[in-house]
């Protein structure tokens, strides 16, 4: 039996659910057209070994992603281990010693800190790539400051992080990104505009490549993999930049002509096909959880009733105990490892202890219902995913129950 608060929240969100349904249909057709345009067949699912010269599946997967994202070219690979890896791959592919990398969205996500500024570990800084960031202005991109800086200093790449990372702000919409891209081009900037697209794919009808991004990257165990891709990531955009990423992933002499996968490609194709529907489930679930925690007196972003710009939701708590209880409630309602009692730990790539709920079929998958938080003030949990809206409904009730017990 669904609790009354959750029932009321579902009724309250009916108009928003109608809008996300329209978006899902639009994106489903876009993906279906990509499959049809590339004439995807059963033979494309076949595994490859060794060099992978029998490249039907690999090449078709790259092409169908490129079509779906409105990109000239795409690199999709099981060899990309995470979103951080995909982003790092793009950065190292394009940037050269002496180049300047400009972040237009403040400091990048925690796991990118060492990629950019690490000492003696093969970071961009070790290769004499300079870095500068423009702080956000009231949680928004300071478009004028970014454009003015780019006009004066001509960075080789301007970096945009679509999602919020561990910051208390809404994620950026594609239109907000497009406005910044247009401002850069208006001042004569002709370098590479790059977007960390993690958590954002198929949330809107447009992708960053539709509004002027030269390159974007993301993880397949987030939105684009539809909950089926077992690993992997992608880089998509202008052909000249994606070719550089192919050369970086393998070797300049062979680029995208090699790379085998000894298991079926089916789940990569099928995951992409399922992605628009699964992303709708996650977005609807995010709105529901937002309504429920707000009704219990907790501050949440995006604001209740607002359709998110990605699949991530922030919830602010008064202390560490409430934060931990919230994360634990997500684990307890998960299909996998629900019996595990979570504790904060020193997670690789982060500067603070992190507590992470990820009772997922694919380890660490954040298109599945999951949550994590750094143990620091303000005590903010970041919830993402939900393969089914029904799971999010059950989770919303569980969250309320856990928080009420903790209050006592």
Protein backbone atom coordinates (compact mmCIF):
# COMPACT_ATOMS: atom_id res chain seq x y z
CA UNK A 1 0.00 0.00 0.00
CA UNK A 2 1.40 3.38 -1.03
CA UNK A 3 1.47 6.01 1.71
CA UNK A 4 -0.84 9.02 1.46
CA UNK A 5 2.00 11.52 1.12
CA UNK A 6 3.42 9.59 -1.83
CA UNK A 7 -0.02 9.18 -3.38
CA UNK A 8 -0.66 12.91 -3.13
CA UNK A 9 2.74 13.71 -4.62
CA UNK A 10 1.99 11.48 -7.64
CA UNK A 11 -1.33 13.26 -8.22
CA UNK A 12 0.33 16.65 -7.88
CA UNK A 13 2.91 15.84 -10.58
CA UNK A 14 0.58 14.65 -13.35
CA UNK A 15 1.21 17.66 -15.62
CA UNK A 16 4.97 17.27 -15.27
CA UNK A 17 4.69 13.55 -16.08
CA UNK A 18 2.82 14.42 -19.29
CA UNK A 19 5.70 16.68 -20.35
CA UNK A 20 8.36 14.04 -19.62
CA UNK A 21 6.26 11.53 -21.60
CA UNK A 22 6.36 13.83 -24.64
CA UNK A 23 10.13 14.18 -24.28
CA UNK A 24 10.54 10.41 -24.05
CA UNK A 25 8.51 9.84 -27.23
CA UNK A 26 10.55 12.47 -29.09
CA UNK A 27 13.83 10.90 -27.98
CA UNK A 28 12.59 7.37 -28.63
CA UNK A 29 11.83 8.30 -32.23
CA UNK A 30 15.23 9.95 -32.56
CA UNK A 31 16.95 6.77 -31.37
CA UNK A 32 14.73 4.52 -33.50
CA UNK A 33 15.51 6.63 -36.56
CA UNK A 34 19.22 6.21 -35.79
CA UNK A 35 18.83 2.42 -35.64
CA UNK A 36 16.84 2.35 -38.87
CA UNK A 37 19.21 4.75 -40.61
CA UNK A 38 22.19 2.53 -39.79
CA UNK A 39 20.28 -0.66 -40.75
CA UNK A 40 21.14 -2.36 -37.46
CA UNK A 41 20.95 -6.14 -37.79
CA UNK A 42 21.50 -9.19 -35.60
CA UNK A 43 25.01 -9.59 -37.01
CA UNK A 44 26.01 -6.35 -35.28
CA UNK A 45 25.63 -8.05 -31.89
CA UNK A 46 28.36 -10.62 -32.63
CA UNK A 47 31.48 -10.54 -30.42
CA UNK A 48 34.98 -9.91 -31.72
CA UNK A 49 38.41 -11.01 -30.49
CA UNK A 50 42.02 -10.04 -30.93
CA UNK A 51 42.47 -6.88 -32.95
CA UNK A 52 38.77 -6.67 -33.69
CA UNK A 53 39.23 -6.14 -37.42
CA UNK A 54 35.80 -7.75 -37.86
CA UNK A 55 34.35 -4.41 -36.93
CA UNK A 56 30.68 -4.53 -37.97
CA UNK A 57 29.34 -4.28 -34.42
CA UNK A 58 31.83 -1.69 -33.17
CA UNK A 59 31.45 0.55 -36.21
CA UNK A 60 27.65 0.28 -36.25
CA UNK A 61 27.46 1.13 -32.55
CA UNK A 62 29.60 4.23 -33.07
CA UNK A 63 27.42 5.29 -36.01
CA UNK A 64 24.09 4.80 -34.28
CA UNK A 65 25.27 6.88 -31.30
CA UNK A 66 26.49 9.61 -33.65
CA UNK A 67 23.09 9.76 -35.35
CA UNK A 68 21.17 9.72 -32.06
CA UNK A 69 23.29 12.59 -30.71
CA UNK A 70 23.32 14.63 -33.90
CA UNK A 71 27.11 14.31 -34.02
CA UNK A 72 29.49 13.91 -36.94
CA UNK A 73 31.18 10.96 -35.27
CA UNK A 74 31.11 8.97 -32.03
CA UNK A 75 33.46 6.67 -30.18
CA UNK A 76 31.63 4.12 -28.01
CA UNK A 77 33.76 1.58 -26.19
CA UNK A 78 33.57 -1.01 -23.41
CA UNK A 79 37.22 -0.06 -22.74
CA UNK A 80 36.12 3.30 -21.31
CA UNK A 81 35.79 2.51 -17.62
CA UNK A 82 33.73 5.44 -16.32
CA UNK A 83 32.47 8.94 -16.95
CA UNK A 84 35.71 10.34 -15.52
CA UNK A 85 37.65 8.15 -17.96
CA UNK A 86 35.54 9.34 -20.93
CA UNK A 87 36.04 13.00 -19.97
CA UNK A 88 39.76 12.49 -19.35
CA UNK A 89 40.06 10.74 -22.71
CA UNK A 90 38.53 13.74 -24.46
CA UNK A 91 40.74 16.24 -22.64
CA UNK A 92 44.00 14.41 -23.32
CA UNK A 93 42.93 13.80 -26.93
CA UNK A 94 42.50 17.48 -27.74
CA UNK A 95 44.89 19.37 -25.45
CA UNK A 96 48.62 19.76 -26.07
CA UNK A 97 51.54 21.06 -23.94
CA UNK A 98 51.24 24.82 -23.50
CA UNK A 99 47.47 24.83 -24.16
CA UNK A 100 45.00 26.53 -21.85
CA UNK A 101 41.90 24.70 -20.59
CA UNK A 102 39.11 27.01 -19.39
CA UNK A 103 36.27 25.71 -17.21
CA UNK A 104 33.17 27.84 -17.75
CA UNK A 105 31.23 26.16 -14.93
CA UNK A 106 33.50 26.67 -11.95
CA UNK A 107 35.63 23.90 -10.52
CA UNK A 108 34.95 20.51 -12.15
CA UNK A 109 33.70 17.42 -10.31
CA UNK A 110 35.93 15.98 -7.58
CA UNK A 111 37.31 13.07 -9.61
CA UNK A 112 38.56 15.50 -12.27
CA UNK A 113 40.78 17.43 -9.84
CA UNK A 114 43.77 15.11 -10.16
CA UNK A 115 43.16 14.62 -13.89
CA UNK A 116 43.67 18.35 -14.34
CA UNK A 117 46.01 19.44 -11.54
CA UNK A 118 47.56 16.31 -10.02
CA UNK A 119 51.29 16.31 -9.33
CA UNK A 120 53.54 13.68 -10.90
CA UNK A 121 50.71 11.29 -11.84
CA UNK A 122 50.34 11.98 -15.57
CA UNK A 123 47.85 14.84 -15.16
CA UNK A 124 47.25 17.63 -17.65
CA UNK A 125 49.39 19.86 -15.43
CA UNK A 126 52.26 17.36 -15.69
CA UNK A 127 52.03 17.82 -19.46
CA UNK A 128 52.14 21.61 -19.09
CA UNK A 129 48.47 22.18 -19.87
CA UNK A 130 47.35 25.30 -18.03
CA UNK A 131 43.97 25.54 -16.31
CA UNK A 132 41.66 28.38 -15.37
CA UNK A 133 38.07 28.37 -14.13
CA UNK A 134 35.39 31.07 -14.13
CA UNK A 135 33.25 30.93 -10.96
CA UNK A 136 29.51 30.59 -11.32
CA UNK A 137 27.41 33.69 -10.69
CA UNK A 138 24.46 32.95 -8.41
CA UNK A 139 24.61 29.33 -9.50
CA UNK A 140 24.54 30.21 -13.21
CA UNK A 141 27.18 30.38 -15.92
CA UNK A 142 28.72 33.86 -15.97
CA UNK A 143 28.37 34.05 -19.73
CA UNK A 144 29.92 37.48 -20.15
CA UNK A 145 32.94 36.67 -17.98
CA UNK A 146 33.51 33.39 -19.86
CA UNK A 147 33.25 35.06 -23.27
CA UNK A 148 35.48 37.98 -22.26
CA UNK A 149 38.15 35.66 -20.85
CA UNK A 150 38.08 33.44 -23.94
CA UNK A 151 38.36 36.45 -26.26
CA UNK A 152 41.46 37.71 -24.44
CA UNK A 153 43.22 34.41 -23.70
CA UNK A 154 42.09 32.05 -26.52
CA UNK A 155 41.95 28.76 -24.59
CA UNK A 156 42.34 25.60 -26.63
CA UNK A 157 39.21 24.21 -24.98
CA UNK A 158 36.30 25.61 -22.98
CA UNK A 159 34.91 23.00 -20.61
CA UNK A 160 31.29 22.85 -19.43
CA UNK A 161 30.00 20.48 -16.74
CA UNK A 162 26.30 19.93 -17.34
CA UNK A 163 25.53 18.30 -14.00
CA UNK A 164 26.02 19.86 -10.57
CA UNK A 165 28.69 17.55 -9.17
CA UNK A 166 28.81 18.01 -5.40
CA UNK A 167 27.47 21.56 -5.53
CA UNK A 168 24.21 23.03 -4.27
CA UNK A 169 22.77 24.30 -7.55
CA UNK A 170 20.48 23.08 -10.32
CA UNK A 171 22.11 21.41 -13.30
CA UNK A 172 22.31 23.38 -16.54
CA UNK A 173 19.72 23.04 -19.27
CA UNK A 174 20.79 22.56 -22.86
CA UNK A 175 19.44 26.03 -23.68
CA UNK A 176 21.62 27.56 -20.95
CA UNK A 177 24.64 25.81 -22.41
CA UNK A 178 23.66 26.91 -25.92
CA UNK A 179 23.50 30.55 -24.79
CA UNK A 180 27.05 30.32 -23.49
CA UNK A 181 28.26 28.59 -26.66
CA UNK A 182 26.72 31.36 -28.80
CA UNK A 183 28.37 34.05 -26.69
CA UNK A 184 31.75 32.37 -27.16
CA UNK A 185 31.35 32.21 -30.93
CA UNK A 186 30.13 35.84 -30.99
CA UNK A 187 33.46 37.06 -29.62
CA UNK A 188 35.37 35.07 -32.24
CA UNK A 189 36.29 32.01 -30.20
CA UNK A 190 36.99 29.10 -32.56
CA UNK A 191 38.50 26.51 -30.19
CA UNK A 192 36.89 23.34 -28.88
CA UNK A 193 33.70 23.65 -26.81
CA UNK A 194 33.50 20.51 -24.69
CA UNK A 195 30.69 19.25 -22.44
CA UNK A 196 30.78 16.72 -19.62
CA UNK A 197 27.34 15.30 -20.47
CA UNK A 198 27.09 12.80 -17.60
CA UNK A 199 23.56 12.39 -16.17
CA UNK A 200 22.03 14.55 -18.92
CA UNK A 201 21.45 12.36 -21.98
CA UNK A 202 17.80 12.17 -23.14
CA UNK A 203 16.47 14.30 -20.27
CA UNK A 204 15.62 16.97 -22.85
CA UNK A 205 14.82 16.81 -26.55
CA UNK A 206 18.20 18.35 -27.37
CA UNK A 207 21.78 17.40 -26.57
CA UNK A 208 24.74 19.80 -26.29
CA UNK A 209 25.84 18.81 -29.81
CA UNK A 210 22.51 20.17 -31.09
CA UNK A 211 23.30 23.68 -29.80
CA UNK A 212 26.93 24.09 -30.76
CA UNK A 213 29.13 21.81 -28.62
CA UNK A 214 32.11 20.46 -30.55
CA UNK A 215 32.58 17.48 -28.28
CA UNK A 216 30.84 15.75 -25.37
CA UNK A 217 31.45 12.67 -23.29
CA UNK A 218 29.62 10.45 -20.86
CA UNK A 219 29.28 7.06 -19.19
CA UNK A 220 27.20 4.13 -20.39
CA UNK A 221 26.35 3.08 -16.83
CA UNK A 222 24.42 6.33 -16.61
CA UNK A 223 21.65 7.51 -18.95
CA UNK A 224 22.86 6.44 -22.37
CA UNK A 225 23.31 2.76 -21.45
CA UNK A 226 19.65 2.42 -20.47
CA UNK A 227 20.48 0.24 -17.47
CA UNK A 228 21.62 -2.61 -19.76
CA UNK A 229 25.14 -1.63 -20.84
CA UNK A 230 27.49 -3.48 -18.47
CA UNK A 231 30.31 -0.92 -18.72
CA UNK A 232 31.72 1.63 -21.16
CA UNK A 233 31.56 5.25 -22.20
CA UNK A 234 31.34 7.48 -25.25
CA UNK A 235 32.87 10.56 -26.84
CA UNK A 236 30.81 12.25 -29.57
CA UNK A 237 30.95 15.40 -31.64
CA UNK A 238 32.99 16.88 -34.47
CA UNK A 239 34.82 14.24 -36.49
CA UNK A 240 38.27 15.83 -36.12
CA UNK A 241 38.05 15.71 -32.32
CA UNK A 242 36.57 12.22 -32.08
CA UNK A 243 39.37 10.86 -34.29
CA UNK A 244 41.85 12.31 -31.80
CA UNK A 245 39.98 10.48 -29.01
CA UNK A 246 40.17 7.22 -30.98
CA UNK A 247 43.92 7.70 -31.36
CA UNK A 248 44.25 8.38 -27.65
CA UNK A 249 42.19 5.33 -26.66
CA UNK A 250 44.26 2.94 -28.80
CA UNK A 251 47.26 4.32 -30.73
CA UNK A 252 47.70 7.03 -33.40
CA UNK A 253 48.70 4.40 -35.96
CA UNK A 254 45.45 2.43 -35.66
CA UNK A 255 42.90 4.73 -34.00
CA UNK A 256 39.34 3.45 -34.30
CA UNK A 257 40.24 0.58 -36.60
CA UNK A 258 40.96 -1.82 -33.74
CA UNK A 259 39.29 -2.84 -30.52
CA UNK A 260 37.56 -6.11 -29.78
CA UNK A 261 34.85 -7.14 -27.34
CA UNK A 262 34.60 -10.86 -26.67
CA UNK A 263 30.99 -10.68 -25.47
CA UNK A 264 27.84 -9.63 -27.27
CA UNK A 265 27.24 -6.02 -28.29
CA UNK A 266 23.51 -6.60 -27.83
CA UNK A 267 23.29 -4.85 -24.47
CA UNK A 268 24.96 -1.72 -25.81
CA UNK A 269 22.50 -1.44 -28.67
CA UNK A 270 19.53 -2.49 -26.58
CA UNK A 271 20.54 -0.16 -23.75
CA UNK A 272 20.63 2.82 -26.10
CA UNK A 273 17.22 1.85 -27.48
CA UNK A 274 15.80 1.65 -23.94
CA UNK A 275 17.50 4.84 -22.74
CA UNK A 276 14.74 7.40 -23.53
CA UNK A 277 12.18 5.34 -21.60
CA UNK A 278 14.48 4.56 -18.68
CA UNK A 279 15.57 8.20 -18.40
CA UNK A 280 11.89 9.21 -18.16
CA UNK A 281 11.47 6.73 -15.29
CA UNK A 282 14.45 8.29 -13.51
CA UNK A 283 13.29 11.88 -14.08
CA UNK A 284 9.76 11.09 -12.88
CA UNK A 285 11.22 9.30 -9.87
CA UNK A 286 13.41 12.28 -9.08
CA UNK A 287 10.40 14.61 -9.11
CA UNK A 288 8.45 12.25 -6.86
CA UNK A 289 11.25 11.91 -4.31
CA UNK A 290 11.66 15.70 -4.40
CA UNK A 291 7.99 16.24 -3.57
CA UNK A 292 8.07 13.66 -0.78
CA UNK A 293 11.20 14.94 0.99
CA UNK A 294 10.00 18.54 0.62
CA UNK A 295 6.70 17.60 2.30
CA UNK A 296 8.78 16.28 5.21
CA UNK A 297 10.50 19.65 5.58
CA UNK A 298 13.76 19.04 3.71
CA UNK A 299 15.23 21.43 1.16
CA UNK A 300 15.74 19.92 -2.28
CA UNK A 301 17.00 20.91 -5.73
CA UNK A 302 15.59 21.16 -8.31
CA UNK A 303 12.67 22.85 -6.56
CA UNK A 304 9.57 20.68 -6.09
CA UNK A 305 7.42 20.66 -9.22
CA UNK A 306 10.35 21.61 -11.48
CA UNK A 307 11.30 19.22 -14.27
CA UNK A 308 15.02 18.44 -13.75
CA UNK A 309 17.73 19.16 -16.30
CA UNK A 310 19.39 15.83 -15.48
CA UNK A 311 18.66 12.71 -13.43
CA UNK A 312 20.33 13.96 -10.24
CA UNK A 313 18.53 15.43 -7.20
CA UNK A 314 20.08 17.16 -4.19
CA UNK A 315 18.57 16.90 -0.71
CA UNK A 316 19.98 18.95 2.18
CA UNK A 317 20.06 17.62 5.75
CA UNK A 318 20.76 19.21 9.11
CA UNK A 319 23.46 16.80 10.23
CA UNK A 320 25.54 13.76 9.29
CA UNK A 321 23.14 11.32 10.97
CA UNK A 322 20.16 12.38 8.83
CA UNK A 323 22.31 12.31 5.71
CA UNK A 324 23.59 8.80 6.42
CA UNK A 325 20.06 7.57 7.26
CA UNK A 326 18.80 8.87 3.92
CA UNK A 327 21.56 7.14 1.94
CA UNK A 328 21.00 3.94 3.90
CA UNK A 329 17.28 4.02 3.05
CA UNK A 330 18.14 3.91 -0.66
CA UNK A 331 20.39 0.88 -0.13
CA UNK A 332 17.76 -0.91 1.95
CA UNK A 333 15.19 -0.59 -0.83
CA UNK A 334 17.60 -1.76 -3.56
CA UNK A 335 17.23 -5.11 -5.34
CA UNK A 336 20.89 -6.01 -4.77
CA UNK A 337 22.76 -5.97 -1.42
CA UNK A 338 19.74 -4.54 0.40
CA UNK A 339 21.00 -6.17 3.61
CA UNK A 340 24.27 -4.19 3.62
CA UNK A 341 24.68 -1.45 6.25
CA UNK A 342 26.46 1.45 4.59
CA UNK A 343 29.25 3.46 6.18
CA UNK A 344 31.29 6.40 4.81
CA UNK A 345 34.69 5.43 3.35
CA UNK A 346 37.73 6.88 1.60
CA UNK A 347 36.60 6.46 -1.99
CA UNK A 348 39.29 6.85 -4.69
CA UNK A 349 39.27 10.26 -6.37
CA UNK A 350 37.47 12.16 -3.58
CA UNK A 351 38.84 14.57 -0.97
CA UNK A 352 36.29 13.65 1.76
CA UNK A 353 34.83 10.39 2.94
CA UNK A 354 31.89 9.36 0.77
CA UNK A 355 28.84 7.25 1.53
CA UNK A 356 27.30 5.60 -1.50
CA UNK A 357 24.13 3.56 -1.97
CA UNK A 358 24.42 1.47 -5.12
CA UNK A 359 22.44 -1.74 -4.79
CA UNK A 360 22.57 -2.12 -8.54
CA UNK A 361 22.66 -4.88 -11.14
CA UNK A 362 25.62 -3.07 -12.75
CA UNK A 363 28.19 -2.06 -10.14
CA UNK A 364 28.05 1.68 -9.48
CA UNK A 365 25.36 2.29 -12.07
CA UNK A 366 23.69 5.64 -11.49
CA UNK A 367 20.87 5.19 -13.97
CA UNK A 368 19.69 2.64 -11.42
CA UNK A 369 18.29 4.11 -8.20
CA UNK A 370 21.34 5.16 -6.22
CA UNK A 371 22.58 7.93 -3.95
CA UNK A 372 25.86 9.28 -2.63
CA UNK A 373 27.22 12.10 -0.55
CA UNK A 374 30.52 13.50 0.66
CA UNK A 375 30.64 13.70 4.46
CA UNK A 376 31.05 17.44 4.79
CA UNK A 377 28.93 20.52 5.47
CA UNK A 378 26.44 21.30 4.10
CA UNK A 379 25.20 17.73 4.43
CA UNK A 380 23.78 17.14 0.95
CA UNK A 381 22.77 13.83 -0.59
CA UNK A 382 22.74 13.36 -4.36
CA UNK A 383 20.10 10.91 -5.62
CA UNK A 384 20.02 9.63 -9.16
CA UNK A 385 18.38 7.07 -11.33
CA UNK A 386 15.55 4.61 -11.04
CA UNK A 387 15.06 2.00 -13.76
CA UNK A 388 11.33 1.97 -13.01
CA UNK A 389 9.03 4.61 -11.60
CA UNK A 390 7.42 1.91 -9.47
CA UNK A 391 10.73 1.35 -7.68
CA UNK A 392 10.94 5.09 -6.99
CA UNK A 393 7.43 5.04 -5.51
CA UNK A 394 8.40 2.29 -3.06
CA UNK A 395 11.66 4.12 -2.31
CA UNK A 396 9.81 7.36 -1.53
CA UNK A 397 7.79 5.59 1.17
CA UNK A 398 10.95 3.95 2.55
CA UNK A 399 12.77 7.29 2.68
CA UNK A 400 9.98 8.86 4.74
CA UNK A 401 9.92 5.90 7.11
CA UNK A 402 13.69 6.02 7.66
CA UNK A 403 13.80 9.78 8.18
CA UNK A 404 10.96 9.67 10.71
CA UNK A 405 12.70 6.94 12.69
CA UNK A 406 15.91 8.92 12.68
CA UNK A 407 14.10 12.05 13.95
CA UNK A 408 12.90 10.07 17.00
